[in-house]
Amino acid sequence: MAKTDFASIDAYLATLPEAARAVLEEVRAVLTKAIPGAEEAISYQIPTLRLGGKNVLHFAAWKAHYALYPASARVVAELGEALAPYDVSKGTIKLPYTLVPRALLAKVAKVRAAEHRESVASAGKVRGVAKATDAGKAEGPKKPTTAKKPVTKQRARRG
């Protein structure tokens, strides 16, 4: 897998050995079904699912395993027991090519999508208070501002 400028997930998968490709195609199908409306993209040179243009979940093939990213604290907390048989570290879930735990993959995708939606919802709030436009208040006309006096040599010397 020497090429690193993939134009699509299909281009990425085409570079994989047949066995790894078959597994990642199945993983891709499970993840895209679990996140309705997700857009496929390549980000960090690996397959990525996005919602609203923001990365939600990545998956990638490696020599001895495939992996999902990120394994956020919430994913690990909510799916801890189900993730126990797998190598989970530093935001990564590593799985062997011999196994595609469809239900677990779908749960990971759904938790990440929920995290994303909550993040987007909270981004519209400032310190716990909804912005005026979000609360249905129309923005009024802007108040005129007075022009500032230009700095002259004499004004600059005074401080």
Protein backbone atom coordinates (compact mmCIF):
# COMPACT_ATOMS: atom_id res chain seq x y z
CA MET A 1 0.00 0.00 0.00
CA ALA A 2 2.63 2.51 -1.09
CA LYS A 3 0.27 5.02 -2.69
CA THR A 4 -0.89 7.69 -0.24
CA ASP A 5 -2.92 10.18 -2.26
CA PHE A 6 -6.19 8.30 -2.54
CA ALA A 7 -9.06 10.07 -4.27
CA SER A 8 -11.74 7.88 -2.69
CA ILE A 9 -12.37 4.99 -0.36
CA ASP A 10 -12.69 2.74 -3.41
CA ALA A 11 -9.18 3.79 -4.51
CA TYR A 12 -7.87 3.03 -1.00
CA LEU A 13 -9.51 -0.40 -0.92
CA ALA A 14 -8.21 -1.25 -4.40
CA THR A 15 -4.63 -1.14 -3.07
CA LEU A 16 -5.27 -3.77 -0.37
CA PRO A 17 -4.67 -7.51 -0.61
CA GLU A 18 -7.88 -9.40 -1.43
CA ALA A 19 -8.47 -10.74 2.11
CA ALA A 20 -8.04 -7.33 3.75
CA ARG A 21 -10.14 -5.66 1.04
CA ALA A 22 -13.04 -8.04 1.63
CA VAL A 23 -12.97 -7.37 5.38
CA LEU A 24 -12.76 -3.59 4.98
CA GLU A 25 -15.58 -3.58 2.42
CA GLU A 26 -17.74 -5.35 5.01
CA VAL A 27 -16.62 -2.91 7.72
CA ARG A 28 -17.44 0.00 5.40
CA ALA A 29 -20.94 -1.37 4.75
CA VAL A 30 -21.65 -1.80 8.47
CA LEU A 31 -20.40 1.68 9.37
CA THR A 32 -22.22 3.52 6.57
CA LYS A 33 -25.46 1.74 7.45
CA ALA A 34 -25.03 2.68 11.13
CA ILE A 35 -24.49 6.38 10.35
CA PRO A 36 -27.27 7.43 7.96
CA GLY A 37 -26.34 10.40 5.83
CA ALA A 38 -22.61 9.97 6.39
CA GLU A 39 -20.37 11.22 3.61
CA GLU A 40 -17.40 9.09 2.59
CA ALA A 41 -14.02 10.77 2.33
CA ILE A 42 -10.31 10.22 2.70
CA SER A 43 -8.77 12.08 5.64
CA TYR A 44 -5.32 11.46 7.09
CA GLN A 45 -4.95 9.16 4.05
CA ILE A 46 -7.48 6.65 5.44
CA PRO A 47 -11.20 6.04 4.84
CA THR A 48 -13.35 8.43 6.83
CA LEU A 49 -17.05 8.95 7.46
CA ARG A 50 -18.20 12.54 7.91
CA LEU A 51 -21.35 14.29 9.03
CA GLY A 52 -21.78 17.90 8.04
CA GLY A 53 -18.23 18.01 6.70
CA LYS A 54 -16.73 16.97 10.07
CA ASN A 55 -14.85 13.70 10.58
CA VAL A 56 -16.79 11.23 12.72
CA LEU A 57 -15.05 7.88 12.27
CA HIS A 58 -11.98 6.57 10.45
CA PHE A 59 -11.08 2.99 9.56
CA ALA A 60 -7.87 1.61 8.12
CA ALA A 61 -6.07 -1.56 7.09
CA TRP A 62 -2.75 -2.57 8.60
CA LYS A 63 -0.50 -5.57 8.11
CA ALA A 64 -1.89 -7.71 10.94
CA HIS A 65 -5.17 -5.95 11.80
CA TYR A 66 -7.66 -3.27 10.86
CA ALA A 67 -8.54 -0.36 13.10
CA LEU A 68 -11.22 2.19 13.95
CA TYR A 69 -10.46 5.73 15.09
CA PRO A 70 -11.14 7.52 17.38
CA ALA A 71 -11.96 5.28 20.30
CA SER A 72 -13.08 8.25 22.37
CA ALA A 73 -13.48 8.11 26.13
CA ARG A 74 -17.24 7.87 25.62
CA VAL A 75 -16.94 4.95 23.19
CA VAL A 76 -14.70 3.09 25.65
CA ALA A 77 -16.98 3.90 28.60
CA GLU A 78 -20.21 2.90 26.87
CA LEU A 79 -18.86 -0.21 25.14
CA GLY A 80 -16.16 -1.22 27.61
CA GLU A 81 -17.15 -4.86 28.13
CA ALA A 82 -17.83 -5.40 24.43
CA LEU A 83 -14.41 -3.93 23.59
CA ALA A 84 -12.56 -6.01 26.21
CA PRO A 85 -11.48 -8.79 23.79
CA TYR A 86 -9.83 -6.26 21.46
CA ASP A 87 -6.73 -4.09 21.66
CA VAL A 88 -7.96 -0.61 22.62
CA SER A 89 -5.35 2.06 23.21
CA LYS A 90 -4.57 5.69 22.43
CA GLY A 91 -7.86 6.31 20.66
CA THR A 92 -7.63 3.17 18.52
CA ILE A 93 -9.63 -0.05 18.36
CA LYS A 94 -7.59 -2.80 16.68
CA LEU A 95 -9.41 -5.86 15.34
CA PRO A 96 -8.10 -9.02 13.66
CA TYR A 97 -8.94 -9.66 10.01
CA THR A 98 -10.45 -12.98 11.07
CA LEU A 99 -13.38 -11.25 12.73
CA VAL A 100 -15.93 -8.59 11.77
CA PRO A 101 -18.12 -8.00 14.85
CA ARG A 102 -20.93 -6.26 12.96
CA ALA A 103 -23.01 -5.36 16.02
CA LEU A 104 -20.00 -3.89 17.84
CA LEU A 105 -18.88 -1.89 14.80
CA ALA A 106 -22.40 -0.49 14.43
CA LYS A 107 -22.49 0.50 18.12
CA VAL A 108 -19.13 2.26 17.85
CA ALA A 109 -20.39 4.17 14.81
CA LYS A 110 -23.63 5.16 16.53
CA VAL A 111 -21.85 6.39 19.66
CA ARG A 112 -19.43 8.46 17.55
CA ALA A 113 -22.33 9.90 15.52
CA ALA A 114 -24.15 10.82 18.75
CA GLU A 115 -20.99 12.49 20.07
CA HIS A 116 -20.73 14.46 16.85
CA ARG A 117 -24.35 15.61 16.96
CA GLU A 118 -24.01 16.70 20.60
CA SER A 119 -20.82 18.57 19.77
CA VAL A 120 -22.54 20.41 16.93
CA ALA A 121 -25.54 21.24 19.15
CA SER A 122 -23.36 22.59 21.95
CA ALA A 123 -21.26 24.63 19.51
CA GLY A 124 -24.30 26.86 18.99
CA LYS A 125 -24.32 27.81 22.66
CA VAL A 126 -22.13 30.28 24.50
CA ARG A 127 -21.39 29.45 28.14
CA GLY A 128 -24.58 27.41 28.41
CA VAL A 129 -26.83 30.14 27.00
CA ALA A 130 -28.26 29.90 23.50
CA LYS A 131 -27.22 32.61 21.07
CA ALA A 132 -29.89 35.22 20.38
CA THR A 133 -30.39 34.03 16.81
CA ASP A 134 -30.78 30.45 18.06
CA ALA A 135 -33.43 31.53 20.57
CA GLY A 136 -35.55 32.97 17.78
CA LYS A 137 -34.68 36.62 18.39
CA ALA A 138 -34.10 38.62 15.29
CA GLU A 139 -31.01 40.71 15.06
CA GLY A 140 -31.87 44.41 15.14
CA PRO A 141 -30.24 47.12 13.09
CA LYS A 142 -26.66 47.74 13.99
CA LYS A 143 -25.83 50.94 15.83
CA PRO A 144 -23.73 53.41 13.87
CA THR A 145 -20.19 53.77 15.06
CA THR A 146 -18.15 56.92 15.10
CA ALA A 147 -14.98 56.95 13.10
CA LYS A 148 -11.78 57.02 15.09
CA LYS A 149 -9.43 59.90 14.56
CA PRO A 150 -6.36 59.01 12.53
CA VAL A 151 -3.10 58.97 14.41
CA THR A 152 -1.03 61.99 13.50
CA LYS A 153 2.61 62.63 14.31
CA GLN A 154 1.61 65.12 16.98
CA ARG A 155 -0.93 62.73 18.61
CA ALA A 156 1.54 59.86 18.47
CA ARG A 157 4.16 61.89 20.39
CA ARG A 158 1.71 62.66 23.18
CA GLY A 159 1.18 58.99 23.81
